[in-house]
N, C-alpha and C. Protein backbone atom coordinates (compact mmCIF):
# COMPACT_ATOMS: atom_id res chain seq x y z
N MET A 1 97.04 114.47 89.46
CA MET A 1 98.30 113.81 89.21
C MET A 1 98.03 112.54 88.41
N ASP A 2 98.79 112.28 87.39
CA ASP A 2 98.56 111.18 86.46
C ASP A 2 99.54 110.05 86.75
N THR A 3 99.34 109.36 87.90
CA THR A 3 100.19 108.23 88.26
C THR A 3 99.29 107.06 88.64
N HIS A 4 99.89 105.96 89.06
CA HIS A 4 99.12 104.74 89.30
C HIS A 4 99.12 104.31 90.77
N GLU A 5 99.10 105.29 91.66
CA GLU A 5 98.95 105.00 93.07
C GLU A 5 97.47 105.10 93.44
N TRP A 6 97.07 104.36 94.46
CA TRP A 6 95.73 104.50 95.00
C TRP A 6 95.87 105.06 96.41
N ILE A 7 94.79 105.62 96.90
CA ILE A 7 94.76 106.13 98.27
C ILE A 7 93.40 105.79 98.86
N ARG A 8 93.42 105.36 100.12
CA ARG A 8 92.18 105.01 100.83
C ARG A 8 92.22 105.72 102.18
N ILE A 9 91.23 106.57 102.43
CA ILE A 9 91.14 107.28 103.69
C ILE A 9 90.40 106.41 104.70
N GLU A 10 91.02 106.22 105.85
CA GLU A 10 90.40 105.49 106.96
C GLU A 10 90.58 106.35 108.20
N GLY A 11 89.53 107.04 108.61
CA GLY A 11 89.63 107.95 109.74
C GLY A 11 90.54 109.11 109.39
N ASP A 12 91.61 109.27 110.18
CA ASP A 12 92.58 110.34 109.95
C ASP A 12 93.79 109.86 109.17
N GLU A 13 93.72 108.64 108.64
CA GLU A 13 94.87 108.04 107.95
C GLU A 13 94.57 107.83 106.47
N ALA A 14 95.63 107.91 105.67
CA ALA A 14 95.52 107.68 104.22
C ALA A 14 96.48 106.56 103.84
N HIS A 15 95.94 105.40 103.52
CA HIS A 15 96.75 104.28 103.06
C HIS A 15 97.07 104.51 101.58
N VAL A 16 98.32 104.23 101.19
CA VAL A 16 98.77 104.43 99.82
C VAL A 16 99.36 103.12 99.28
N GLY A 17 99.05 102.82 98.03
CA GLY A 17 99.62 101.66 97.37
C GLY A 17 99.64 101.91 95.87
N ILE A 18 100.00 100.88 95.10
CA ILE A 18 99.92 100.99 93.65
C ILE A 18 98.74 100.16 93.17
N THR A 19 98.18 100.56 92.05
CA THR A 19 96.99 99.89 91.53
C THR A 19 97.31 98.50 90.97
N ASP A 20 96.25 97.73 90.82
CA ASP A 20 96.40 96.41 90.21
C ASP A 20 96.95 96.53 88.80
N PHE A 21 96.50 97.53 88.06
CA PHE A 21 97.02 97.77 86.71
C PHE A 21 98.53 98.00 86.77
N ALA A 22 98.98 98.84 87.70
CA ALA A 22 100.41 99.17 87.81
C ALA A 22 101.24 97.94 88.15
N GLN A 23 100.78 97.14 89.12
CA GLN A 23 101.57 95.96 89.49
C GLN A 23 101.64 94.99 88.32
N GLY A 24 100.57 94.91 87.54
CA GLY A 24 100.58 94.04 86.36
C GLY A 24 101.57 94.51 85.31
N GLU A 25 101.66 95.83 85.12
CA GLU A 25 102.61 96.40 84.17
C GLU A 25 104.06 96.19 84.64
N LEU A 26 104.27 96.27 85.94
CA LEU A 26 105.62 96.11 86.50
C LEU A 26 106.11 94.67 86.40
N GLY A 27 105.22 93.71 86.54
CA GLY A 27 105.64 92.32 86.61
C GLY A 27 106.01 91.98 88.05
N ASP A 28 106.78 90.93 88.23
CA ASP A 28 107.11 90.44 89.57
C ASP A 28 107.91 91.47 90.35
N VAL A 29 107.33 91.96 91.45
CA VAL A 29 108.01 92.92 92.32
C VAL A 29 109.02 92.16 93.16
N VAL A 30 110.27 92.64 93.16
CA VAL A 30 111.35 91.97 93.89
C VAL A 30 111.88 92.78 95.06
N TYR A 31 111.60 94.08 95.10
CA TYR A 31 112.08 94.93 96.19
C TYR A 31 111.25 96.21 96.23
N VAL A 32 110.95 96.66 97.45
CA VAL A 32 110.22 97.91 97.63
C VAL A 32 110.98 98.80 98.61
N GLU A 33 111.32 100.00 98.16
CA GLU A 33 111.95 101.00 99.03
C GLU A 33 110.85 101.95 99.48
N LEU A 34 110.63 102.03 100.79
CA LEU A 34 109.55 102.83 101.34
C LEU A 34 110.09 104.08 102.04
N PRO A 35 109.25 105.09 102.23
CA PRO A 35 109.70 106.30 102.92
C PRO A 35 109.94 106.03 104.40
N GLU A 36 110.68 106.91 105.03
CA GLU A 36 110.94 106.79 106.47
C GLU A 36 109.75 107.35 107.25
N ILE A 37 109.47 106.74 108.37
CA ILE A 37 108.41 107.23 109.26
C ILE A 37 108.78 108.64 109.72
N ASP A 38 107.79 109.49 109.84
CA ASP A 38 107.88 110.90 110.23
C ASP A 38 108.36 111.80 109.11
N THR A 39 108.60 111.25 107.93
CA THR A 39 108.94 112.09 106.77
C THR A 39 107.69 112.82 106.31
N THR A 40 107.81 114.10 106.03
CA THR A 40 106.71 114.86 105.44
C THR A 40 106.90 114.88 103.93
N LEU A 41 105.86 114.46 103.23
CA LEU A 41 105.89 114.41 101.77
C LEU A 41 104.85 115.36 101.21
N GLU A 42 105.21 116.04 100.16
CA GLU A 42 104.29 116.91 99.43
C GLU A 42 103.62 116.09 98.32
N ALA A 43 102.40 116.44 97.98
CA ALA A 43 101.73 115.79 96.85
C ALA A 43 102.64 115.87 95.64
N GLY A 44 102.87 114.74 94.98
CA GLY A 44 103.73 114.69 93.80
C GLY A 44 105.16 114.31 94.11
N ASP A 45 105.54 114.28 95.40
CA ASP A 45 106.90 113.86 95.77
C ASP A 45 107.10 112.38 95.51
N GLU A 46 108.35 112.01 95.27
CA GLU A 46 108.71 110.61 95.19
C GLU A 46 108.86 110.09 96.61
N ALA A 47 108.13 109.03 96.94
CA ALA A 47 108.14 108.48 98.30
C ALA A 47 109.05 107.27 98.43
N GLY A 48 109.41 106.65 97.33
CA GLY A 48 110.22 105.45 97.34
C GLY A 48 110.32 104.88 95.94
N MET A 49 110.73 103.60 95.87
CA MET A 49 110.91 102.94 94.57
C MET A 49 110.39 101.51 94.67
N ILE A 50 109.95 101.01 93.52
CA ILE A 50 109.58 99.60 93.39
C ILE A 50 110.46 99.01 92.30
N ASP A 51 111.18 97.95 92.66
CA ASP A 51 111.99 97.22 91.69
C ASP A 51 111.23 95.96 91.31
N SER A 52 111.16 95.73 90.01
CA SER A 52 110.49 94.53 89.52
C SER A 52 111.40 93.82 88.53
N ALA A 53 110.92 92.69 88.05
CA ALA A 53 111.68 91.93 87.07
C ALA A 53 111.89 92.76 85.79
N LYS A 54 111.00 93.70 85.51
CA LYS A 54 111.06 94.48 84.28
C LYS A 54 111.76 95.83 84.42
N THR A 55 111.56 96.51 85.57
CA THR A 55 111.99 97.91 85.67
C THR A 55 112.02 98.38 87.11
N THR A 56 112.49 99.58 87.31
CA THR A 56 112.40 100.27 88.59
C THR A 56 111.47 101.45 88.38
N SER A 57 110.53 101.63 89.30
CA SER A 57 109.52 102.67 89.14
C SER A 57 109.37 103.45 90.44
N PRO A 58 109.24 104.78 90.34
CA PRO A 58 109.05 105.57 91.55
C PRO A 58 107.64 105.40 92.13
N ILE A 59 107.56 105.54 93.44
CA ILE A 59 106.28 105.59 94.14
C ILE A 59 106.01 107.07 94.40
N MET A 60 104.91 107.57 93.88
CA MET A 60 104.59 108.98 94.03
C MET A 60 103.57 109.18 95.16
N THR A 61 103.61 110.36 95.75
CA THR A 61 102.73 110.69 96.87
C THR A 61 101.48 111.41 96.35
N PRO A 62 100.29 110.86 96.60
CA PRO A 62 99.08 111.48 96.07
C PRO A 62 98.64 112.76 96.79
N VAL A 63 98.84 112.84 98.10
CA VAL A 63 98.47 114.03 98.87
C VAL A 63 99.58 114.36 99.86
N THR A 64 99.61 115.60 100.31
CA THR A 64 100.61 116.04 101.26
C THR A 64 100.30 115.50 102.65
N GLY A 65 101.35 115.03 103.35
CA GLY A 65 101.16 114.55 104.71
C GLY A 65 102.43 113.96 105.28
N ARG A 66 102.31 113.49 106.53
CA ARG A 66 103.44 112.90 107.25
C ARG A 66 103.27 111.38 107.27
N VAL A 67 104.36 110.66 106.95
CA VAL A 67 104.35 109.20 106.96
C VAL A 67 104.28 108.73 108.41
N ILE A 68 103.26 107.94 108.73
CA ILE A 68 103.11 107.46 110.10
C ILE A 68 103.31 105.94 110.22
N ARG A 69 103.30 105.25 109.08
CA ARG A 69 103.50 103.80 109.10
C ARG A 69 103.92 103.34 107.72
N VAL A 70 104.73 102.29 107.68
CA VAL A 70 105.08 101.65 106.42
C VAL A 70 104.76 100.16 106.54
N ASN A 71 104.57 99.52 105.41
CA ASN A 71 104.26 98.09 105.40
C ASN A 71 105.56 97.30 105.49
N GLU A 72 105.94 96.96 106.72
CA GLU A 72 107.20 96.26 106.96
C GLU A 72 107.22 94.85 106.38
N GLU A 73 106.04 94.27 106.12
CA GLU A 73 105.97 92.94 105.52
C GLU A 73 106.62 92.90 104.13
N LEU A 74 106.66 94.06 103.47
CA LEU A 74 107.19 94.09 102.10
C LEU A 74 108.70 93.87 102.05
N ALA A 75 109.39 94.09 103.17
CA ALA A 75 110.84 93.86 103.19
C ALA A 75 111.15 92.39 102.89
N ASP A 76 110.38 91.48 103.46
CA ASP A 76 110.59 90.05 103.24
C ASP A 76 109.66 89.46 102.19
N HIS A 77 108.58 90.18 101.89
CA HIS A 77 107.58 89.65 100.96
C HIS A 77 107.11 90.72 99.98
N PRO A 78 108.00 91.21 99.11
CA PRO A 78 107.60 92.25 98.15
C PRO A 78 106.53 91.76 97.18
N GLU A 79 106.42 90.45 97.03
CA GLU A 79 105.42 89.89 96.11
C GLU A 79 103.99 90.20 96.55
N LEU A 80 103.79 90.64 97.80
CA LEU A 80 102.46 91.02 98.25
C LEU A 80 101.88 92.16 97.41
N VAL A 81 102.77 93.00 96.85
CA VAL A 81 102.30 94.08 95.98
C VAL A 81 101.61 93.49 94.76
N ASN A 82 102.13 92.37 94.24
CA ASN A 82 101.50 91.69 93.09
C ASN A 82 100.26 90.90 93.52
N GLN A 83 100.37 90.21 94.63
CA GLN A 83 99.31 89.30 95.04
C GLN A 83 98.08 90.00 95.60
N SER A 84 98.29 91.13 96.27
CA SER A 84 97.18 91.80 96.95
C SER A 84 97.43 93.30 97.03
N PRO A 85 97.42 93.99 95.87
CA PRO A 85 97.82 95.40 95.87
C PRO A 85 96.94 96.32 96.71
N TYR A 86 95.68 95.93 96.95
CA TYR A 86 94.78 96.81 97.70
C TYR A 86 94.63 96.42 99.17
N GLU A 87 95.08 95.26 99.54
CA GLU A 87 94.91 94.81 100.92
C GLU A 87 96.28 94.62 101.60
N GLU A 88 96.91 93.48 101.39
CA GLU A 88 98.18 93.17 102.06
C GLU A 88 99.37 93.90 101.45
N GLY A 89 99.25 94.35 100.20
CA GLY A 89 100.37 94.97 99.50
C GLY A 89 100.38 96.49 99.56
N TRP A 90 99.66 97.10 100.51
CA TRP A 90 99.73 98.55 100.66
C TRP A 90 101.17 98.94 100.96
N LEU A 91 101.53 100.20 100.71
CA LEU A 91 102.92 100.63 100.85
C LEU A 91 103.18 101.42 102.13
N TYR A 92 102.44 102.50 102.33
CA TYR A 92 102.65 103.33 103.52
C TYR A 92 101.37 104.06 103.88
N VAL A 93 101.38 104.63 105.08
CA VAL A 93 100.22 105.36 105.58
C VAL A 93 100.65 106.79 105.91
N LEU A 94 99.87 107.73 105.41
CA LEU A 94 100.11 109.16 105.69
C LEU A 94 99.06 109.68 106.66
N GLU A 95 99.47 110.68 107.42
CA GLU A 95 98.53 111.52 108.14
C GLU A 95 98.41 112.76 107.26
N PRO A 96 97.33 112.86 106.45
CA PRO A 96 97.25 113.95 105.49
C PRO A 96 97.14 115.32 106.16
N ASP A 97 97.79 116.31 105.57
CA ASP A 97 97.64 117.68 106.04
C ASP A 97 96.20 118.14 105.86
N ASN A 98 95.61 117.77 104.72
CA ASN A 98 94.24 118.14 104.43
C ASN A 98 93.53 116.95 103.78
N PRO A 99 92.77 116.17 104.56
CA PRO A 99 92.10 114.99 104.00
C PRO A 99 91.21 115.31 102.80
N ASN A 100 90.75 116.54 102.66
CA ASN A 100 89.91 116.90 101.52
C ASN A 100 90.68 116.94 100.21
N ASP A 101 92.03 116.90 100.27
CA ASP A 101 92.83 116.88 99.05
C ASP A 101 92.51 115.66 98.19
N ILE A 102 92.00 114.60 98.81
CA ILE A 102 91.66 113.40 98.05
C ILE A 102 90.58 113.71 97.01
N ASN A 103 89.78 114.74 97.27
CA ASN A 103 88.71 115.11 96.34
C ASN A 103 89.26 115.63 95.02
N ASN A 104 90.55 115.98 94.97
CA ASN A 104 91.17 116.46 93.74
C ASN A 104 91.75 115.33 92.89
N LEU A 105 91.66 114.10 93.38
CA LEU A 105 92.22 112.94 92.68
C LEU A 105 91.14 112.21 91.90
N MET A 106 91.57 111.37 90.95
CA MET A 106 90.62 110.54 90.20
C MET A 106 89.98 109.52 91.15
N ASP A 107 88.69 109.26 90.95
CA ASP A 107 88.08 108.16 91.67
C ASP A 107 88.31 106.88 90.85
N ALA A 108 87.87 105.75 91.38
CA ALA A 108 88.15 104.47 90.72
C ALA A 108 87.58 104.42 89.30
N ALA A 109 86.37 104.94 89.10
CA ALA A 109 85.76 104.91 87.76
C ALA A 109 86.56 105.76 86.77
N ALA A 110 86.97 106.94 87.19
CA ALA A 110 87.77 107.82 86.31
C ALA A 110 89.12 107.18 86.00
N TYR A 111 89.71 106.51 87.00
CA TYR A 111 91.00 105.84 86.77
C TYR A 111 90.84 104.71 85.75
N ARG A 112 89.80 103.90 85.91
CA ARG A 112 89.56 102.80 84.95
C ARG A 112 89.43 103.35 83.54
N LYS A 113 88.68 104.43 83.37
CA LYS A 113 88.50 105.03 82.06
C LYS A 113 89.84 105.54 81.53
N HIS A 114 90.62 106.16 82.40
CA HIS A 114 91.94 106.67 82.03
C HIS A 114 92.83 105.53 81.50
N VAL A 115 92.83 104.41 82.18
CA VAL A 115 93.64 103.26 81.76
C VAL A 115 93.10 102.69 80.45
N GLU A 116 91.78 102.55 80.36
CA GLU A 116 91.17 102.03 79.12
C GLU A 116 91.46 102.92 77.93
N ASP A 117 91.57 104.22 78.16
CA ASP A 117 91.85 105.16 77.08
C ASP A 117 93.34 105.23 76.76
N GLY A 118 94.14 104.36 77.39
CA GLY A 118 95.57 104.30 77.09
C GLY A 118 96.43 105.24 77.89
N GLY A 119 95.91 105.76 78.97
CA GLY A 119 96.70 106.69 79.79
C GLY A 119 97.58 105.97 80.78
N HIS A 120 98.74 105.52 80.31
CA HIS A 120 99.66 104.91 81.27
C HIS A 120 100.85 105.73 81.27
């Protein structure tokens, strides 16, 4: 899938957010719409939206799974997506149907090359 979300597997959980490149392209994030807990999302599904000073952009789901947690801090502090996209600005957590699906995604090095080659 050719989008700008990241995924980090921690045990049986998959944290999802947008990349530093993506938040930079969006500009100041002003609102984040997140999926509902217990929602099952298929890889490629739209999970929510990010509103920024420049545009509104969909949040895509990298792997199939059930939403088990959302980052409630973003309701009052959407700027965390800009300030800390990989730590405090994560979006939601999935319980993946198949954790091995992450092996079908780009790793960080491939993503960097993709961005450098103009793949936005």
